[in-house]
Amino acid sequence: IILPAFDLQQAYKVKQELQEEVKAINLEELEGKSLSISIGVAEGRDDIDLEELVSCADKALYEQKRTH
């Protein structure tokens, strides 16, 4: 998800809200198990290109997966 009009703090808030919404999903097919998602957040800057930005987001995603 690209949030061009959001600062880093707002992006983290969106991330947290999405994770909470997914966790709250209760489907009969899950048989009591829960869903979760991992999201990596990265901030675009003038001094990095798109490839580096995606790499930063990817690293953040894998860090999220590793710690949760």
Protein backbone atom coordinates (compact mmCIF):
# COMPACT_ATOMS: atom_id res chain seq x y z
CA ILE A 1 0.00 0.00 0.00
CA ILE A 2 1.45 3.37 -0.95
CA LEU A 3 0.31 6.31 1.17
CA PRO A 4 1.79 9.38 -0.53
CA ALA A 5 0.00 11.98 1.61
CA PHE A 6 0.83 10.29 4.92
CA ASP A 7 3.80 10.87 7.19
CA LEU A 8 5.55 7.97 8.91
CA GLN A 9 3.48 8.24 12.09
CA GLN A 10 0.23 8.12 10.09
CA ALA A 11 1.51 5.13 8.09
CA TYR A 12 2.27 3.23 11.30
CA LYS A 13 -1.25 4.01 12.52
CA VAL A 14 -2.75 2.61 9.29
CA LYS A 15 -0.52 -0.47 9.68
CA GLN A 16 -1.72 -1.03 13.24
CA GLU A 17 -5.38 -0.54 12.28
CA LEU A 18 -5.08 -3.03 9.40
CA GLN A 19 -3.44 -5.59 11.66
CA GLU A 20 -6.19 -5.17 14.27
CA GLU A 21 -8.94 -5.47 11.65
CA VAL A 22 -7.47 -8.68 10.24
CA LYS A 23 -6.98 -10.13 13.73
CA ALA A 24 -10.66 -9.41 14.51
CA ILE A 25 -11.87 -11.48 11.53
CA ASN A 26 -13.73 -14.49 12.85
CA LEU A 27 -14.59 -17.02 10.17
CA GLU A 28 -16.20 -20.35 10.94
CA GLU A 29 -13.75 -21.99 8.54
CA LEU A 30 -10.84 -20.94 10.76
CA GLU A 31 -12.04 -23.31 13.50
CA GLY A 32 -10.94 -21.01 16.32
CA LYS A 33 -7.64 -20.01 14.74
CA SER A 34 -6.83 -16.37 14.11
CA LEU A 35 -5.55 -14.48 11.09
CA SER A 36 -2.63 -12.09 11.15
CA ILE A 37 -0.73 -9.98 8.65
CA SER A 38 2.78 -8.59 8.63
CA ILE A 39 3.35 -5.15 7.15
CA GLY A 40 6.64 -3.39 6.51
CA VAL A 41 6.64 0.40 6.63
CA ALA A 42 9.22 2.56 4.85
CA GLU A 43 9.39 6.29 4.27
CA GLY A 44 10.24 7.71 0.88
CA ARG A 45 12.84 10.45 0.75
CA ASP A 46 14.40 12.51 -1.99
CA ASP A 47 17.77 10.81 -1.50
CA ILE A 48 16.59 7.24 -2.21
CA ASP A 49 15.17 5.71 -5.37
CA LEU A 50 12.14 3.45 -5.68
CA GLU A 51 14.22 0.26 -5.63
CA GLU A 52 15.84 1.23 -2.34
CA LEU A 53 12.48 2.25 -0.88
CA VAL A 54 10.98 -1.15 -1.75
CA SER A 55 14.06 -2.83 -0.25
CA CYS A 56 13.59 -0.87 3.00
CA ALA A 57 9.91 -1.85 3.15
CA ASP A 58 10.84 -5.48 2.46
CA LYS A 59 13.39 -5.49 5.30
CA ALA A 60 10.80 -3.96 7.63
CA LEU A 61 8.30 -6.65 6.58
CA TYR A 62 10.70 -9.48 7.38
CA GLU A 63 11.61 -7.86 10.71
CA GLN A 64 7.89 -7.71 11.52
CA LYS A 65 7.51 -11.41 10.64
CA ARG A 66 10.56 -12.33 12.71
CA THR A 67 9.36 -10.56 15.85
CA HIS A 68 5.68 -11.53 15.73
